[in-house]
Amino acid sequence: NYADSVKGRFTISRDDAKDMVYLQMNSLKPEDTAVYYCNN
């Protein structure tokens, strides 16, 4: 699920073998400027 502000531009994925989560961010905009955190 995605926030409307990033829908179609961001993709979240996970690799359970590596215990990793990713966020692919495309078509970035100045309003995407922020500190990004992952969370369980």
PDB file of all heavy atoms in Angstrom:
ATOM      1  N   ASN A   1       0.853  -1.181   0.000  1.00  0.00           N
ATOM      2  CA  ASN A   1       0.000   0.000   0.000  1.00  0.00           C
ATOM      3  C   ASN A   1       0.886   1.227   0.000  1.00  0.00           C
ATOM      4  O   ASN A   1       1.986   1.195   0.569  1.00  0.00           O
ATOM      5  CB  ASN A   1      -0.912   0.036   1.233  1.00  0.00           C
ATOM      6  CG  ASN A   1      -1.913  -1.090   1.256  1.00  0.00           C
ATOM      7  OD1 ASN A   1      -1.695  -2.094   1.906  1.00  0.00           O
ATOM      8  ND2 ASN A   1      -3.003  -0.925   0.524  1.00  0.00           N
ATOM      9  N   TYR A   2       0.381   2.303  -0.617  1.00  0.00           N
ATOM     10  CA  TYR A   2       1.165   3.529  -0.734  1.00  0.00           C
ATOM     11  C   TYR A   2       0.324   4.746  -0.392  1.00  0.00           C
ATOM     12  O   TYR A   2      -0.885   4.773  -0.625  1.00  0.00           O
ATOM     13  CB  TYR A   2       1.688   3.671  -2.166  1.00  0.00           C
ATOM     14  CG  TYR A   2       2.567   2.534  -2.606  1.00  0.00           C
ATOM     15  CD1 TYR A   2       2.036   1.432  -3.263  1.00  0.00           C
ATOM     16  CD2 TYR A   2       3.937   2.560  -2.343  1.00  0.00           C
ATOM     17  CE1 TYR A   2       2.843   0.377  -3.643  1.00  0.00           C
ATOM     18  CE2 TYR A   2       4.755   1.508  -2.729  1.00  0.00           C
ATOM     19  CZ  TYR A   2       4.198   0.416  -3.373  1.00  0.00           C
ATOM     20  OH  TYR A   2       5.006  -0.624  -3.750  1.00  0.00           O
ATOM     21  N   ALA A   3       1.012   5.751   0.117  1.00  0.00           N
ATOM     22  CA  ALA A   3       0.369   7.044   0.272  1.00  0.00           C
ATOM     23  C   ALA A   3       0.084   7.611  -1.113  1.00  0.00           C
ATOM     24  O   ALA A   3       0.826   7.367  -2.067  1.00  0.00           O
ATOM     25  CB  ALA A   3       1.285   7.985   1.050  1.00  0.00           C
ATOM     26  N   ASP A   4      -0.992   8.374  -1.212  1.00  0.00           N
ATOM     27  CA  ASP A   4      -1.360   8.940  -2.504  1.00  0.00           C
ATOM     28  C   ASP A   4      -0.240   9.783  -3.099  1.00  0.00           C
ATOM     29  O   ASP A   4      -0.074   9.829  -4.325  1.00  0.00           O
ATOM     30  CB  ASP A   4      -2.623   9.794  -2.361  1.00  0.00           C
ATOM     31  CG  ASP A   4      -3.873   8.947  -2.141  1.00  0.00           C
ATOM     32  OD1 ASP A   4      -3.831   7.733  -2.408  1.00  0.00           O
ATOM     33  OD2 ASP A   4      -4.883   9.514  -1.684  1.00  0.00           O
ATOM     34  N   SER A   5       0.529  10.423  -2.257  1.00  0.00           N
ATOM     35  CA  SER A   5       1.574  11.329  -2.727  1.00  0.00           C
ATOM     36  C   SER A   5       2.713  10.611  -3.448  1.00  0.00           C
ATOM     37  O   SER A   5       3.472  11.239  -4.193  1.00  0.00           O
ATOM     38  CB  SER A   5       2.139  12.144  -1.563  1.00  0.00           C
ATOM     39  OG  SER A   5       2.652  11.275  -0.562  1.00  0.00           O
ATOM     40  N   VAL A   6       2.843   9.298  -3.233  1.00  0.00           N
ATOM     41  CA  VAL A   6       3.954   8.565  -3.846  1.00  0.00           C
ATOM     42  C   VAL A   6       3.484   7.445  -4.767  1.00  0.00           C
ATOM     43  O   VAL A   6       4.306   6.800  -5.428  1.00  0.00           O
ATOM     44  CB  VAL A   6       4.908   7.984  -2.780  1.00  0.00           C
ATOM     45  CG1 VAL A   6       5.365   9.075  -1.820  1.00  0.00           C
ATOM     46  CG2 VAL A   6       4.266   6.832  -2.028  1.00  0.00           C
ATOM     47  N   LYS A   7       2.195   7.227  -4.811  1.00  0.00           N
ATOM     48  CA  LYS A   7       1.644   6.133  -5.600  1.00  0.00           C
ATOM     49  C   LYS A   7       2.053   6.273  -7.063  1.00  0.00           C
ATOM     50  O   LYS A   7       1.956   7.356  -7.639  1.00  0.00           O
ATOM     51  CB  LYS A   7       0.125   6.112  -5.462  1.00  0.00           C
ATOM     52  CG  LYS A   7      -0.530   4.793  -5.793  1.00  0.00           C
ATOM     53  CD  LYS A   7      -2.008   4.838  -5.392  1.00  0.00           C
ATOM     54  CE  LYS A   7      -2.200   4.900  -3.903  1.00  0.00           C
ATOM     55  NZ  LYS A   7      -3.629   4.850  -3.513  1.00  0.00           N
ATOM     56  N   GLY A   8       2.527   5.189  -7.650  1.00  0.00           N
ATOM     57  CA  GLY A   8       2.972   5.200  -9.033  1.00  0.00           C
ATOM     58  C   GLY A   8       4.427   5.606  -9.212  1.00  0.00           C
ATOM     59  O   GLY A   8       4.978   5.468 -10.312  1.00  0.00           O
ATOM     60  N   ARG A   9       5.046   6.121  -8.163  1.00  0.00           N
ATOM     61  CA  ARG A   9       6.453   6.547  -8.241  1.00  0.00           C
ATOM     62  C   ARG A   9       7.366   5.719  -7.345  1.00  0.00           C
ATOM     63  O   ARG A   9       8.528   5.503  -7.680  1.00  0.00           O
ATOM     64  CB  ARG A   9       6.573   8.023  -7.851  1.00  0.00           C
ATOM     65  CG  ARG A   9       5.767   8.969  -8.725  1.00  0.00           C
ATOM     66  CD  ARG A   9       6.082  10.422  -8.405  1.00  0.00           C
ATOM     67  NE  ARG A   9       5.718  10.779  -7.029  1.00  0.00           N
ATOM     68  CZ  ARG A   9       6.593  11.254  -6.135  1.00  0.00           C
ATOM     69  NH1 ARG A   9       7.869  11.405  -6.458  1.00  0.00           N
ATOM     70  NH2 ARG A   9       6.186  11.586  -4.915  1.00  0.00           N
ATOM     71  N   PHE A  10       6.848   5.284  -6.211  1.00  0.00           N
ATOM     72  CA  PHE A  10       7.645   4.520  -5.242  1.00  0.00           C
ATOM     73  C   PHE A  10       7.194   3.064  -5.258  1.00  0.00           C
ATOM     74  O   PHE A  10       6.009   2.769  -5.437  1.00  0.00           O
ATOM     75  CB  PHE A  10       7.458   5.072  -3.828  1.00  0.00           C
ATOM     76  CG  PHE A  10       8.084   6.411  -3.573  1.00  0.00           C
ATOM     77  CD1 PHE A  10       8.558   7.216  -4.589  1.00  0.00           C
ATOM     78  CD2 PHE A  10       8.179   6.887  -2.263  1.00  0.00           C
ATOM     79  CE1 PHE A  10       9.127   8.456  -4.339  1.00  0.00           C
ATOM     80  CE2 PHE A  10       8.746   8.117  -1.991  1.00  0.00           C
ATOM     81  CZ  PHE A  10       9.213   8.899  -3.028  1.00  0.00           C
ATOM     82  N   THR A  11       8.156   2.173  -5.013  1.00  0.00           N
ATOM     83  CA  THR A  11       7.848   0.746  -4.914  1.00  0.00           C
ATOM     84  C   THR A  11       8.565   0.168  -3.706  1.00  0.00           C
ATOM     85  O   THR A  11       9.792   0.272  -3.602  1.00  0.00           O
ATOM     86  CB  THR A  11       8.287  -0.010  -6.176  1.00  0.00           C
ATOM     87  OG1 THR A  11       7.645   0.560  -7.331  1.00  0.00           O
ATOM     88  CG2 THR A  11       7.916  -1.477  -6.065  1.00  0.00           C
ATOM     89  N   ILE A  12       7.804  -0.440  -2.820  1.00  0.00           N
ATOM     90  CA  ILE A  12       8.381  -1.109  -1.662  1.00  0.00           C
ATOM     91  C   ILE A  12       8.511  -2.597  -1.984  1.00  0.00           C
ATOM     92  O   ILE A  12       7.654  -3.179  -2.659  1.00  0.00           O
ATOM     93  CB  ILE A  12       7.532  -0.881  -0.397  1.00  0.00           C
ATOM     94  CG1 ILE A  12       8.238  -1.424   0.848  1.00  0.00           C
ATOM     95  CG2 ILE A  12       6.126  -1.453  -0.549  1.00  0.00           C
ATOM     96  CD1 ILE A  12       7.538  -1.044   2.154  1.00  0.00           C
ATOM     97  N   SER A  13       9.603  -3.189  -1.516  1.00  0.00           N
ATOM     98  CA  SER A  13       9.806  -4.623  -1.731  1.00  0.00           C
ATOM     99  C   SER A  13      10.566  -5.193  -0.539  1.00  0.00           C
ATOM    100  O   SER A  13      11.118  -4.438   0.271  1.00  0.00           O
ATOM    101  CB  SER A  13      10.566  -4.877  -3.032  1.00  0.00           C
ATOM    102  OG  SER A  13      11.844  -4.272  -3.007  1.00  0.00           O
ATOM    103  N   ARG A  14      10.569  -6.492  -0.457  1.00  0.00           N
ATOM    104  CA  ARG A  14      11.259  -7.150   0.655  1.00  0.00           C
ATOM    105  C   ARG A  14      11.983  -8.378   0.165  1.00  0.00           C
ATOM    106  O   ARG A  14      11.575  -9.012  -0.817  1.00  0.00           O
ATOM    107  CB  ARG A  14      10.259  -7.515   1.753  1.00  0.00           C
ATOM    108  CG  ARG A  14       9.195  -8.506   1.339  1.00  0.00           C
ATOM    109  CD  ARG A  14       8.111  -8.633   2.434  1.00  0.00           C
ATOM    110  NE  ARG A  14       8.691  -9.133   3.676  1.00  0.00           N
ATOM    111  CZ  ARG A  14       8.168  -8.864   4.874  1.00  0.00           C
ATOM    112  NH1 ARG A  14       7.088  -8.125   4.981  1.00  0.00           N
ATOM    113  NH2 ARG A  14       8.740  -9.379   5.956  1.00  0.00           N
ATOM    114  N   ASP A  15      13.068  -8.713   0.848  1.00  0.00           N
ATOM    115  CA  ASP A  15      13.819  -9.928   0.581  1.00  0.00           C
ATOM    116  C   ASP A  15      13.909 -10.684   1.900  1.00  0.00           C
ATOM    117  O   ASP A  15      14.726 -10.346   2.766  1.00  0.00           O
ATOM    118  CB  ASP A  15      15.208  -9.579   0.044  1.00  0.00           C
ATOM    119  CG  ASP A  15      16.000 -10.806  -0.377  1.00  0.00           C
ATOM    120  OD1 ASP A  15      15.718 -11.910   0.129  1.00  0.00           O
ATOM    121  OD2 ASP A  15      16.912 -10.658  -1.206  1.00  0.00           O
ATOM    122  N   ASP A  16      13.058 -11.681   2.060  1.00  0.00           N
ATOM    123  CA  ASP A  16      12.999 -12.402   3.324  1.00  0.00           C
ATOM    124  C   ASP A  16      14.255 -13.221   3.569  1.00  0.00           C
ATOM    125  O   ASP A  16      14.584 -13.530   4.720  1.00  0.00           O
ATOM    126  CB  ASP A  16      11.767 -13.304   3.360  1.00  0.00           C
ATOM    127  CG  ASP A  16      10.471 -12.521   3.487  1.00  0.00           C
ATOM    128  OD1 ASP A  16      10.534 -11.289   3.714  1.00  0.00           O
ATOM    129  OD2 ASP A  16       9.390 -13.125   3.338  1.00  0.00           O
ATOM    130  N   ALA A  17      14.967 -13.587   2.511  1.00  0.00           N
ATOM    131  CA  ALA A  17      16.205 -14.355   2.689  1.00  0.00           C
ATOM    132  C   ALA A  17      17.307 -13.494   3.296  1.00  0.00           C
ATOM    133  O   ALA A  17      18.215 -14.017   3.952  1.00  0.00           O
ATOM    134  CB  ALA A  17      16.652 -14.923   1.353  1.00  0.00           C
ATOM    135  N   LYS A  18      17.219 -12.187   3.059  1.00  0.00           N
ATOM    136  CA  LYS A  18      18.256 -11.269   3.553  1.00  0.00           C
ATOM    137  C   LYS A  18      17.767 -10.389   4.693  1.00  0.00           C
ATOM    138  O   LYS A  18      18.533  -9.563   5.195  1.00  0.00           O
ATOM    139  CB  LYS A  18      18.747 -10.382   2.408  1.00  0.00           C
ATOM    140  CG  LYS A  18      19.430 -11.140   1.282  1.00  0.00           C
ATOM    141  CD  LYS A  18      19.911 -10.191   0.200  1.00  0.00           C
ATOM    142  CE  LYS A  18      20.619 -10.951  -0.918  1.00  0.00           C
ATOM    143  NZ  LYS A  18      21.079 -10.039  -1.995  1.00  0.00           N
ATOM    144  N   ASP A  19      16.497 -10.531   5.076  1.00  0.00           N
ATOM    145  CA  ASP A  19      15.909  -9.681   6.125  1.00  0.00           C
ATOM    146  C   ASP A  19      16.047  -8.196   5.757  1.00  0.00           C
ATOM    147  O   ASP A  19      16.409  -7.366   6.608  1.00  0.00           O
ATOM    148  CB  ASP A  19      16.560  -9.946   7.484  1.00  0.00           C
ATOM    149  CG  ASP A  19      16.237 -11.335   8.020  1.00  0.00           C
ATOM    150  OD1 ASP A  19      15.400 -12.029   7.421  1.00  0.00           O
ATOM    151  OD2 ASP A  19      16.838 -11.725   9.039  1.00  0.00           O
ATOM    152  N   MET A  20      15.749  -7.898   4.497  1.00  0.00           N
ATOM    153  CA  MET A  20      15.911  -6.539   3.998  1.00  0.00           C
ATOM    154  C   MET A  20      14.586  -6.037   3.436  1.00  0.00           C
ATOM    155  O   MET A  20      13.806  -6.793   2.862  1.00  0.00           O
ATOM    156  CB  MET A  20      16.951  -6.486   2.876  1.00  0.00           C
ATOM    157  CG  MET A  20      18.353  -6.879   3.268  1.00  0.00           C
ATOM    158  SD  MET A  20      19.242  -5.569   4.137  1.00  0.00           S
ATOM    159  CE  MET A  20      19.432  -4.369   2.816  1.00  0.00           C
ATOM    160  N   VAL A  21      14.390  -4.737   3.553  1.00  0.00           N
ATOM    161  CA  VAL A  21      13.264  -4.085   2.896  1.00  0.00           C
ATOM    162  C   VAL A  21      13.813  -2.904   2.099  1.00  0.00           C
ATOM    163  O   VAL A  21      14.782  -2.257   2.527  1.00  0.00           O
ATOM    164  CB  VAL A  21      12.172  -3.657   3.904  1.00  0.00           C
ATOM    165  CG1 VAL A  21      12.705  -2.667   4.924  1.00  0.00           C
ATOM    166  CG2 VAL A  21      10.942  -3.126   3.196  1.00  0.00           C
ATOM    167  N   TYR A  22      13.215  -2.654   0.949  1.00  0.00           N
ATOM    168  CA  TYR A  22      13.722  -1.640   0.027  1.00  0.00           C
ATOM    169  C   TYR A  22      12.618  -0.655  -0.348  1.00  0.00           C
ATOM    170  O   TYR A  22      11.436  -0.964  -0.278  1.00  0.00           O
ATOM    171  CB  TYR A  22      14.239  -2.302  -1.253  1.00  0.00           C
ATOM    172  CG  TYR A  22      15.265  -3.374  -1.014  1.00  0.00           C
ATOM    173  CD1 TYR A  22      14.900  -4.716  -0.978  1.00  0.00           C
ATOM    174  CD2 TYR A  22      16.603  -3.050  -0.818  1.00  0.00           C
ATOM    175  CE1 TYR A  22      15.834  -5.711  -0.756  1.00  0.00           C
ATOM    176  CE2 TYR A  22      17.548  -4.037  -0.600  1.00  0.00           C
ATOM    177  CZ  TYR A  22      17.160  -5.376  -0.567  1.00  0.00           C
ATOM    178  OH  TYR A  22      18.085  -6.353  -0.340  1.00  0.00           O
ATOM    179  N   LEU A  23      13.052   0.518  -0.772  1.00  0.00           N
ATOM    180  CA  LEU A  23      12.120   1.500  -1.320  1.00  0.00           C
ATOM    181  C   LEU A  23      12.756   2.069  -2.580  1.00  0.00           C
ATOM    182  O   LEU A  23      13.737   2.821  -2.496  1.00  0.00           O
ATOM    183  CB  LEU A  23      11.808   2.606  -0.327  1.00  0.00           C
ATOM    184  CG  LEU A  23      10.718   3.576  -0.765  1.00  0.00           C
ATOM    185  CD1 LEU A  23       9.352   2.870  -0.836  1.00  0.00           C
ATOM    186  CD2 LEU A  23      10.632   4.776   0.178  1.00  0.00           C
ATOM    187  N   GLN A  24      12.214   1.702  -3.726  1.00  0.00           N
ATOM    188  CA  GLN A  24      12.648   2.276  -4.988  1.00  0.00           C
ATOM    189  C   GLN A  24      11.849   3.545  -5.236  1.00  0.00           C
ATOM    190  O   GLN A  24      10.611   3.507  -5.253  1.00  0.00           O
ATOM    191  CB  GLN A  24      12.423   1.287  -6.137  1.00  0.00           C
ATOM    192  CG  GLN A  24      12.792   1.825  -7.510  1.00  0.00           C
ATOM    193  CD  GLN A  24      14.281   2.065  -7.663  1.00  0.00           C
ATOM    194  OE1 GLN A  24      15.095   1.232  -7.257  1.00  0.00           O
ATOM    195  NE2 GLN A  24      14.653   3.194  -8.254  1.00  0.00           N
ATOM    196  N   MET A  25      12.534   4.640  -5.397  1.00  0.00           N
ATOM    197  CA  MET A  25      11.890   5.943  -5.560  1.00  0.00           C
ATOM    198  C   MET A  25      12.251   6.514  -6.925  1.00  0.00           C
ATOM    199  O   MET A  25      13.429   6.775  -7.188  1.00  0.00           O
ATOM    200  CB  MET A  25      12.328   6.897  -4.455  1.00  0.00           C
ATOM    201  CG  MET A  25      12.122   6.343  -3.048  1.00  0.00           C
ATOM    202  SD  MET A  25      12.445   7.543  -1.748  1.00  0.00           S
ATOM    203  CE  MET A  25      14.184   7.841  -2.006  1.00  0.00           C
ATOM    204  N   ASN A  26      11.268   6.662  -7.775  1.00  0.00           N
ATOM    205  CA  ASN A  26      11.460   7.214  -9.107  1.00  0.00           C
ATOM    206  C   ASN A  26      10.726   8.540  -9.246  1.00  0.00           C
ATOM    207  O   ASN A  26       9.859   8.870  -8.433  1.00  0.00           O
ATOM    208  CB  ASN A  26      10.943   6.224 -10.156  1.00  0.00           C
ATOM    209  CG  ASN A  26      11.667   4.899 -10.135  1.00  0.00           C
ATOM    210  OD1 ASN A  26      12.856   4.818  -9.827  1.00  0.00           O
ATOM    211  ND2 ASN A  26      10.949   3.835 -10.483  1.00  0.00           N
ATOM    212  N   SER A  27      11.065   9.272 -10.275  1.00  0.00           N
ATOM    213  CA  SER A  27      10.414  10.564 -10.551  1.00  0.00           C
ATOM    214  C   SER A  27      10.356  11.425  -9.297  1.00  0.00           C
ATOM    215  O   SER A  27       9.306  11.986  -8.948  1.00  0.00           O
ATOM    216  CB  SER A  27       9.003  10.331 -11.107  1.00  0.00           C
ATOM    217  OG  SER A  27       9.037   9.533 -12.265  1.00  0.00           O
ATOM    218  N   LEU A  28      11.472  11.539  -8.642  1.00  0.00           N
ATOM    219  CA  LEU A  28      11.512  12.266  -7.367  1.00  0.00           C
ATOM    220  C   LEU A  28      11.215  13.740  -7.560  1.00  0.00           C
ATOM    221  O   LEU A  28      11.573  14.352  -8.586  1.00  0.00           O
ATOM    222  CB  LEU A  28      12.869  12.068  -6.701  1.00  0.00           C
ATOM    223  CG  LEU A  28      13.040  10.709  -6.018  1.00  0.00           C
ATOM    224  CD1 LEU A  28      14.505  10.405  -5.770  1.00  0.00           C
ATOM    225  CD2 LEU A  28      12.263  10.673  -4.718  1.00  0.00           C
ATOM    226  N   LYS A  29      10.559  14.297  -6.554  1.00  0.00           N
ATOM    227  CA  LYS A  29      10.163  15.698  -6.548  1.00  0.00           C
ATOM    228  C   LYS A  29      10.789  16.390  -5.337  1.00  0.00           C
ATOM    229  O   LYS A  29      11.080  15.728  -4.330  1.00  0.00           O
ATOM    230  CB  LYS A  29       8.643  15.811  -6.456  1.00  0.00           C
ATOM    231  CG  LYS A  29       7.887  15.052  -7.528  1.00  0.00           C
ATOM    232  CD  LYS A  29       6.384  15.133  -7.271  1.00  0.00           C
ATOM    233  CE  LYS A  29       5.604  14.349  -8.318  1.00  0.00           C
ATOM    234  NZ  LYS A  29       4.132  14.415  -8.071  1.00  0.00           N
ATOM    235  N   PRO A  30      10.945  17.695  -5.396  1.00  0.00           N
ATOM    236  CA  PRO A  30      11.490  18.408  -4.225  1.00  0.00           C
ATOM    237  C   PRO A  30      10.684  18.138  -2.949  1.00  0.00           C
ATOM    238  O   PRO A  30      11.272  18.076  -1.856  1.00  0.00           O
ATOM    239  CB  PRO A  30      11.411  19.872  -4.653  1.00  0.00           C
ATOM    240  CG  PRO A  30      11.557  19.817  -6.138  1.00  0.00           C
ATOM    241  CD  PRO A  30      10.817  18.581  -6.558  1.00  0.00           C
ATOM    242  N   GLU A  31       9.399  17.934  -3.067  1.00  0.00           N
ATOM    243  CA  GLU A  31       8.584  17.673  -1.881  1.00  0.00           C
ATOM    244  C   GLU A  31       8.810  16.281  -1.287  1.00  0.00           C
ATOM    245  O   GLU A  31       8.271  15.966  -0.226  1.00  0.00           O
ATOM    246  CB  GLU A  31       7.089  17.877  -2.186  1.00  0.00           C
ATOM    247  CG  GLU A  31       6.590  17.149  -3.412  1.00  0.00           C
ATOM    248  CD  GLU A  31       6.553  18.030  -4.651  1.00  0.00           C
ATOM    249  OE1 GLU A  31       7.543  18.785  -4.883  1.00  0.00           O
ATOM    250  OE2 GLU A  31       5.562  17.955  -5.407  1.00  0.00           O
ATOM    251  N   ASP A  32       9.612  15.457  -1.948  1.00  0.00           N
ATOM    252  CA  ASP A  32      10.001  14.165  -1.375  1.00  0.00           C
ATOM    253  C   ASP A  32      11.189  14.301  -0.426  1.00  0.00           C
ATOM    254  O   ASP A  32      11.568  13.317   0.229  1.00  0.00           O
ATOM    255  CB  ASP A  32      10.365  13.174  -2.488  1.00  0.00           C
ATOM    256  CG  ASP A  32       9.189  12.804  -3.369  1.00  0.00           C
ATOM    257  OD1 ASP A  32       8.072  12.612  -2.833  1.00  0.00           O
ATOM    258  OD2 ASP A  32       9.378  12.717  -4.600  1.00  0.00           O
ATOM    259  N   THR A  33      11.757  15.488  -0.350  1.00  0.00           N
ATOM    260  CA  THR A  33      12.877  15.727   0.546  1.00  0.00           C
ATOM    261  C   THR A  33      12.461  15.470   1.986  1.00  0.00           C
ATOM    262  O   THR A  33      11.489  16.037   2.481  1.00  0.00           O
ATOM    263  CB  THR A  33      13.380  17.172   0.394  1.00  0.00           C
ATOM    264  OG1 THR A  33      13.933  17.333  -0.919  1.00  0.00           O
ATOM    265  CG2 THR A  33      14.439  17.497   1.434  1.00  0.00           C
ATOM    266  N   ALA A  34      13.201  14.583   2.646  1.00  0.00           N
ATOM    267  CA  ALA A  34      12.859  14.184   4.015  1.00  0.00           C
ATOM    268  C   ALA A  34      13.906  13.199   4.514  1.00  0.00           C
ATOM    269  O   ALA A  34      14.747  12.724   3.738  1.00  0.00           O
ATOM    270  CB  ALA A  34      11.477  13.534   4.061  1.00  0.00           C
ATOM    271  N   VAL A  35      13.824  12.899   5.791  1.00  0.00           N
ATOM    272  CA  VAL A  35      14.550  11.753   6.336  1.00  0.00           C
ATOM    273  C   VAL A  35      13.613  10.558   6.249  1.00  0.00           C
ATOM    274  O   VAL A  35      12.451  10.642   6.676  1.00  0.00           O
ATOM    275  CB  VAL A  35      14.996  11.995   7.787  1.00  0.00           C
ATOM    276  CG1 VAL A  35      15.724  10.764   8.326  1.00  0.00           C
ATOM    277  CG2 VAL A  35      15.892  13.221   7.867  1.00  0.00           C
ATOM    278  N   TYR A  36      14.120   9.471   5.689  1.00  0.00           N
ATOM    279  CA  TYR A  36      13.319   8.278   5.486  1.00  0.00           C
ATOM    280  C   TYR A  36      13.717   7.198   6.492  1.00  0.00           C
ATOM    281  O   TYR A  36      14.908   6.955   6.725  1.00  0.00           O
ATOM    282  CB  TYR A  36      13.504   7.762   4.055  1.00  0.00           C
ATOM    283  CG  TYR A  36      12.754   8.588   3.040  1.00  0.00           C
ATOM    284  CD1 TYR A  36      13.182   9.866   2.697  1.00  0.00           C
ATOM    285  CD2 TYR A  36      11.596   8.098   2.425  1.00  0.00           C
ATOM    286  CE1 TYR A  36      12.488  10.632   1.770  1.00  0.00           C
ATOM    287  CE2 TYR A  36      10.900   8.856   1.501  1.00  0.00           C
ATOM    288  CZ  TYR A  36      11.347  10.116   1.178  1.00  0.00           C
ATOM    289  OH  TYR A  36      10.646  10.878   0.263  1.00  0.00           O
ATOM    290  N   TYR A  37      12.701   6.582   7.061  1.00  0.00           N
ATOM    291  CA  TYR A  37      12.893   5.554   8.086  1.00  0.00           C
ATOM    292  C   TYR A  37      12.139   4.288   7.695  1.00  0.00           C
ATOM    293  O   TYR A  37      10.997   4.369   7.223  1.00  0.00           O
ATOM    294  CB  TYR A  37      12.338   6.014   9.425  1.00  0.00           C
ATOM    295  CG  TYR A  37      12.900   7.290   9.971  1.00  0.00           C
ATOM    296  CD1 TYR A  37      12.362   8.526   9.634  1.00  0.00           C
ATOM    297  CD2 TYR A  37      13.972   7.265  10.876  1.00  0.00           C
ATOM    298  CE1 TYR A  37      12.871   9.704  10.151  1.00  0.00           C
ATOM    299  CE2 TYR A  37      14.482   8.440  11.405  1.00  0.00           C
ATOM    300  CZ  TYR A  37      13.925   9.654  11.030  1.00  0.00           C
ATOM    301  OH  TYR A  37      14.436  10.818  11.553  1.00  0.00           O
ATOM    302  N   CYS A  38      12.746   3.140   7.951  1.00  0.00           N
ATOM    303  CA  CYS A  38      11.962   1.913   7.849  1.00  0.00           C
ATOM    304  C   CYS A  38      11.444   1.564   9.244  1.00  0.00           C
ATOM    305  O   CYS A  38      11.970   2.044  10.259  1.00  0.00           O
ATOM    306  CB  CYS A  38      12.761   0.769   7.249  1.00  0.00           C
ATOM    307  SG  CYS A  38      14.091   0.138   8.275  1.00  0.00           S
ATOM    308  N   ASN A  39      10.417   0.765   9.282  1.00  0.00           N
ATOM    309  CA  ASN A  39       9.774   0.449  10.553  1.00  0.00           C
ATOM    310  C   ASN A  39       9.124  -0.921  10.472  1.00  0.00           C
ATOM    311  O   ASN A  39       8.522  -1.251   9.446  1.00  0.00           O
ATOM    312  CB  ASN A  39       8.736   1.530  10.869  1.00  0.00           C
ATOM    313  CG  ASN A  39       8.064   1.331  12.204  1.00  0.00           C
ATOM    314  OD1 ASN A  39       6.934   0.875  12.291  1.00  0.00           O
ATOM    315  ND2 ASN A  39       8.772   1.680  13.275  1.00  0.00           N
ATOM    316  N   ASN A  40       9.255  -1.655  11.546  1.00  0.00           N
ATOM    317  CA  ASN A  40       8.536  -2.908  11.692  1.00  0.00           C
ATOM    318  C   ASN A  40       7.138  -2.550  12.191  1.00  0.00           C
ATOM    319  O   ASN A  40       6.968  -2.108  13.332  1.00  0.00           O
ATOM    320  CB  ASN A  40       9.265  -3.802  12.691  1.00  0.00           C
ATOM    321  CG  ASN A  40       8.577  -5.132  12.896  1.00  0.00           C
ATOM    322  OD1 ASN A  40       7.357  -5.235  12.807  1.00  0.00           O
ATOM    323  ND2 ASN A  40       9.342  -6.156  13.189  1.00  0.00           N
TER     324      ASN A  40
END
